[in-house]
Protein backbone atom coordinates (compact mmCIF):
# COMPACT_ATOMS: atom_id res chain seq x y z
CA MET A 1 65.56 -45.02 23.97
CA ALA A 2 68.36 -47.49 25.46
CA ARG A 3 70.33 -45.83 28.19
CA MET A 4 73.11 -47.01 30.13
CA ARG A 5 74.04 -45.32 33.78
CA VAL A 6 77.64 -45.77 35.09
CA ILE A 7 78.74 -44.79 38.71
CA SER A 8 82.72 -44.31 39.27
CA ILE A 9 83.49 -43.64 43.02
CA ASN A 10 87.26 -44.25 45.10
CA VAL A 11 85.33 -45.60 47.96
CA ASN A 12 88.30 -45.27 50.04
CA GLY A 13 87.54 -48.20 52.09
CA ILE A 14 84.46 -50.09 50.63
CA ARG A 15 84.01 -50.86 54.39
CA SER A 16 83.95 -47.37 55.97
CA ALA A 17 81.58 -46.57 52.73
CA ALA A 18 79.46 -48.99 53.45
CA ARG A 19 78.73 -47.66 57.33
CA LYS A 20 78.44 -44.22 55.82
CA GLY A 21 75.25 -45.18 53.61
CA PHE A 22 76.92 -46.27 50.05
CA TYR A 23 74.85 -49.56 49.66
CA HIS A 24 71.23 -47.94 50.45
CA TRP A 25 72.05 -44.77 48.17
CA LEU A 26 73.48 -46.90 45.28
CA ARG A 27 69.91 -48.78 45.85
CA ARG A 28 68.20 -46.06 44.22
CA GLN A 29 70.43 -44.62 41.25
CA LYS A 30 69.17 -46.96 39.07
CA ALA A 31 72.73 -47.85 37.64
CA ASP A 32 73.78 -50.49 35.05
CA VAL A 33 77.38 -50.03 35.92
CA VAL A 34 79.25 -49.88 39.11
CA CYS A 35 83.20 -49.19 39.10
CA LEU A 36 84.93 -49.15 42.59
CA GLN A 37 88.29 -48.19 43.37
CA GLU A 38 90.08 -48.05 46.59
CA LEU A 39 88.48 -51.27 48.44
CA LYS A 40 90.75 -51.62 51.40
CA ALA A 41 89.48 -55.04 51.73
CA GLN A 42 90.36 -58.94 50.95
CA VAL A 43 87.16 -60.88 49.48
CA ASP A 44 86.73 -62.56 52.43
CA GLN A 45 86.46 -59.64 54.47
CA LEU A 46 83.50 -58.94 52.46
CA THR A 47 81.04 -61.59 53.27
CA GLU A 48 78.00 -59.79 54.48
CA ARG A 49 74.70 -59.58 52.04
CA GLN A 50 75.47 -55.46 51.21
CA PHE A 51 78.50 -56.46 49.54
CA TRP A 52 77.07 -58.48 47.18
CA PRO A 53 74.02 -56.42 45.85
CA PRO A 54 71.22 -58.67 44.53
CA SER A 55 70.46 -56.43 41.66
CA PHE A 56 74.08 -56.94 40.29
CA ASN A 57 76.73 -58.97 39.41
CA CYS A 58 79.49 -58.41 41.38
CA TYR A 59 83.28 -58.85 40.41
CA TYR A 60 86.57 -57.61 43.17
CA HIS A 61 89.75 -57.32 42.34
CA PRO A 62 91.58 -56.87 45.46
CA ALA A 63 94.87 -56.01 46.39
CA GLU A 64 97.20 -58.52 47.61
CA ARG A 65 98.52 -56.27 50.79
CA LYS A 66 95.80 -56.28 53.37
CA GLY A 67 93.60 -52.81 53.97
CA TYR A 68 95.12 -51.27 50.21
CA SER A 69 93.51 -50.22 46.79
CA GLY A 70 92.10 -53.31 45.06
CA VAL A 71 89.40 -52.40 42.45
CA GLY A 72 85.37 -53.89 41.56
CA ILE A 73 82.73 -53.73 39.27
CA TYR A 74 78.95 -54.51 40.27
CA ALA A 75 76.76 -54.94 36.44
CA ARG A 76 73.49 -55.92 36.16
CA HIS A 77 73.96 -57.46 33.15
CA GLU A 78 76.19 -60.59 33.26
CA PRO A 79 79.30 -59.50 31.30
CA ASP A 80 80.66 -61.96 28.56
CA GLU A 81 83.81 -61.70 30.48
CA VAL A 82 85.56 -60.07 33.46
CA VAL A 83 89.37 -59.79 32.86
CA GLN A 84 91.37 -58.93 36.05
CA GLY A 85 94.19 -56.54 35.74
CA LEU A 86 96.77 -56.18 32.85
CA GLY A 87 99.98 -59.12 33.51
CA TRP A 88 101.64 -56.81 35.51
CA ASP A 89 102.91 -58.75 38.68
CA ASP A 90 103.87 -55.50 40.14
CA PHE A 91 100.56 -53.60 38.81
CA ASP A 92 98.63 -56.41 39.27
CA ARG A 93 99.13 -57.38 43.20
CA GLU A 94 98.05 -53.91 44.06
CA GLY A 95 94.55 -54.63 42.52
CA ARG A 96 94.29 -51.47 39.58
CA TRP A 97 92.38 -52.68 36.66
CA ILE A 98 89.91 -54.72 36.14
CA GLU A 99 87.40 -55.18 32.84
CA ALA A 100 83.59 -56.24 32.18
CA ARG A 101 82.96 -57.05 28.37
CA PHE A 102 79.32 -56.90 27.10
CA GLY A 103 79.43 -57.24 23.52
CA ARG A 104 81.87 -54.85 21.78
CA LEU A 105 81.64 -52.62 25.00
CA SER A 106 83.99 -52.76 27.85
CA VAL A 107 84.09 -50.87 31.07
CA ILE A 108 86.98 -50.88 33.27
CA SER A 109 87.25 -49.83 36.59
CA LEU A 110 90.93 -48.45 36.89
CA TYR A 111 93.18 -46.72 40.21
CA LEU A 112 95.80 -45.36 38.94
CA PRO A 113 99.12 -44.93 41.46
CA SER A 114 99.32 -41.64 43.69
CA GLY A 115 102.32 -40.30 43.48
CA SER A 116 101.90 -38.27 46.98
CA SER A 117 103.22 -40.45 49.59
CA SER A 118 106.49 -40.06 48.88
CA GLU A 119 109.24 -39.72 45.51
CA GLU A 120 109.54 -43.45 45.37
CA ARG A 121 105.59 -43.73 44.59
CA GLN A 122 105.86 -40.62 42.29
CA GLN A 123 108.20 -42.66 40.28
CA VAL A 124 105.96 -45.75 40.57
CA LYS A 125 103.15 -43.94 39.61
CA PHE A 126 105.35 -42.21 36.12
CA ASP A 127 106.23 -46.13 35.23
CA VAL A 128 102.73 -46.58 35.22
CA MET A 129 101.58 -43.97 33.29
CA GLU A 130 104.70 -44.82 30.59
CA ARG A 131 103.67 -48.46 30.40
CA LEU A 132 99.85 -47.38 29.93
CA THR A 133 100.38 -45.10 26.98
CA PRO A 134 100.88 -48.39 24.53
CA VAL A 135 97.89 -50.27 26.15
CA LEU A 136 95.70 -47.35 25.97
CA GLN A 137 96.90 -46.37 22.27
CA GLN A 138 96.01 -50.52 21.24
CA LEU A 139 93.01 -50.36 22.98
CA ARG A 140 92.13 -46.97 21.18
CA GLY A 141 92.53 -48.54 17.96
CA ASP A 142 90.91 -52.06 18.60
CA GLY A 143 87.72 -51.36 16.95
CA ARG A 144 85.44 -51.38 20.69
CA GLU A 145 84.32 -48.82 22.90
CA TYR A 146 85.25 -48.04 26.12
CA VAL A 147 84.85 -46.21 29.23
CA ILE A 148 87.86 -46.64 31.20
CA CYS A 149 86.33 -45.36 35.18
CA GLY A 150 88.43 -44.89 37.57
CA ASP A 151 90.70 -42.56 39.93
CA TRP A 152 93.10 -41.09 38.09
CA ASN A 153 95.29 -39.35 40.48
CA ILE A 154 95.54 -36.43 38.05
CA ALA A 155 93.75 -33.25 37.89
CA HIS A 156 94.16 -32.14 33.82
CA THR A 157 94.02 -28.61 33.75
CA LYS A 158 93.49 -25.41 35.70
CA ALA A 159 90.07 -25.51 35.40
CA ASP A 160 89.61 -29.01 37.43
CA ILE A 161 91.53 -28.02 39.90
CA LYS A 162 90.39 -24.81 42.87
CA ASN A 163 94.16 -23.79 43.93
CA TRP A 164 95.99 -24.63 40.89
CA ARG A 165 99.03 -21.84 41.46
CA GLY A 166 99.98 -23.74 44.90
CA ASN A 167 99.96 -27.05 43.69
CA LEU A 168 102.05 -26.79 40.58
CA LYS A 169 104.85 -28.72 42.24
CA ASN A 170 102.52 -31.57 43.81
CA SER A 171 101.76 -35.17 42.52
CA GLY A 172 98.85 -35.12 40.99
CA PHE A 173 98.88 -31.94 39.24
CA LEU A 174 102.69 -31.90 37.89
CA PRO A 175 103.29 -31.14 34.17
CA GLU A 176 104.41 -34.33 33.34
CA GLU A 177 101.37 -35.43 34.69
CA ARG A 178 98.98 -33.35 32.72
CA ALA A 179 100.95 -33.42 29.45
CA TRP A 180 100.06 -37.44 29.43
CA LEU A 181 96.54 -36.40 29.96
CA ASP A 182 97.37 -34.23 26.78
CA LEU A 183 98.35 -37.26 25.07
CA LEU A 184 95.74 -39.35 25.47
CA PHE A 185 92.98 -36.86 24.83
CA ASP A 186 94.45 -34.75 22.13
CA GLY A 187 97.17 -37.44 20.82
CA GLN A 188 95.51 -40.65 20.87
CA GLY A 189 91.87 -39.59 20.82
CA TRP A 190 90.16 -40.60 23.75
CA VAL A 191 87.67 -38.43 25.40
CA ASP A 192 87.06 -36.96 28.80
CA GLY A 193 83.51 -37.98 29.04
CA PHE A 194 82.35 -35.42 31.63
CA ARG A 195 83.70 -32.52 29.74
CA VAL A 196 81.54 -33.57 27.11
CA VAL A 197 78.30 -32.31 28.48
CA ASN A 198 79.57 -30.45 31.70
CA GLN A 199 81.69 -27.47 31.51
CA ASP A 200 80.51 -26.24 34.77
CA ALA A 201 83.61 -24.33 37.01
CA ASP A 202 84.58 -25.56 40.35
CA GLU A 203 83.34 -29.45 39.41
CA TYR A 204 85.53 -31.51 41.82
CA THR A 205 85.39 -35.05 42.85
CA TRP A 206 88.28 -34.98 45.65
CA TRP A 207 88.66 -32.75 48.52
CA SER A 208 91.41 -33.50 51.01
CA ASN A 209 90.52 -34.12 54.44
CA ARG A 210 92.72 -31.24 56.17
CA GLY A 211 91.05 -27.56 56.56
CA GLN A 212 88.04 -26.76 55.16
CA ALA A 213 88.14 -28.21 51.65
CA TRP A 214 84.94 -30.05 51.65
CA ALA A 215 82.94 -27.00 52.97
CA LYS A 216 84.42 -24.66 50.78
CA ASN A 217 84.51 -27.04 47.81
CA VAL A 218 88.48 -26.42 47.44
CA GLY A 219 88.83 -29.46 45.64
CA TRP A 220 90.19 -31.58 42.62
CA ARG A 221 88.74 -33.27 39.47
CA ILE A 222 90.58 -36.26 39.54
CA ASP A 223 88.04 -39.24 38.86
CA TYR A 224 86.73 -40.01 34.81
CA GLN A 225 85.08 -41.40 32.65
CA VAL A 226 87.65 -41.49 30.09
CA VAL A 227 85.44 -42.75 26.81
CA THR A 228 86.06 -43.59 22.82
CA PRO A 229 84.70 -41.03 20.65
CA GLY A 230 81.88 -43.37 19.49
CA ILE A 231 80.33 -43.57 22.82
CA GLY A 232 81.58 -40.37 23.83
CA ALA A 233 78.97 -39.14 21.03
CA GLN A 234 76.04 -41.10 23.35
CA ILE A 235 76.90 -38.83 26.34
CA GLU A 236 74.10 -37.61 28.00
CA ALA A 237 74.47 -36.41 30.92
CA ALA A 238 77.15 -36.07 33.63
CA ARG A 239 77.00 -35.44 37.57
CA ILE A 240 79.06 -35.32 40.65
CA TYR A 241 76.91 -36.33 43.57
CA ARG A 242 77.46 -34.18 46.58
CA ASP A 243 74.55 -34.37 48.68
CA LYS A 244 75.45 -36.82 50.85
CA ARG A 245 79.55 -37.92 51.65
CA PHE A 246 80.99 -41.76 51.12
CA SER A 247 84.53 -41.25 50.68
CA ASP A 248 87.01 -38.23 50.48
CA HIS A 249 86.07 -38.72 46.80
CA ALA A 250 82.77 -38.06 45.04
CA PRO A 251 80.50 -40.24 42.94
CA LEU A 252 80.72 -39.80 39.24
CA ILE A 253 77.02 -40.55 37.75
CA MET A 254 77.06 -40.56 33.49
CA ASP A 255 74.86 -41.60 31.12
CA TYR A 256 74.88 -42.67 27.84
CA ALA A 257 72.58 -43.55 24.94
CA TYR A 258 73.49 -47.22 24.59
CA ASP A 259 72.26 -50.95 25.24
CA VAL A 260 74.41 -52.42 27.15
């Protein structure tokens, strides 16, 4: 049976992740598509061979601002088309969306803004969420299959965050943010791919660098593969890799019974 393995990871600086062994690990993962977020690098800073693994077609969409944001996709099979950005100047300058199209399947690497640094950035996040809503609705109805990977910077439910009581007023777990994911999943019909096959508690993808969050697994599940129902029905496995640490996020690895 055909199988497609998709990995999503916020690398929190691709050069930093490389120094921590990310590419050595990736070589053994048998991935078909790898979605990267928060590159924190320009393409001209990625001249070393490791940033262009030979088993993949490699595409980067960096932010204009150096050392900030940026997304990328590695694809074992050459895509029919690669689309960088959504045509929104402010959003695209921050390098937050790249799409690879394979036949009637699209795999997207998305890096939703964080609102934790300031109220101003929280308003930017809300604005992006509002503008994305009709875009996602349109994608949902266009007849293609989608896997939207990435750091959505929102924990959806109490099951997706260890200390939910202490974070009810914090960016990433605000009622408005969680309601927006409700709208996508319950209203528009998108599927939280991980939860199709993995209902386990204490499954997180991000840990604060403060205190002993990693050691004590006081985390948040904010990295997703959000999918259309058709490919959602073909999910075989989903796991979060925690044996080695390349970033403050962990890789989300998902297998689909799908032929790219």
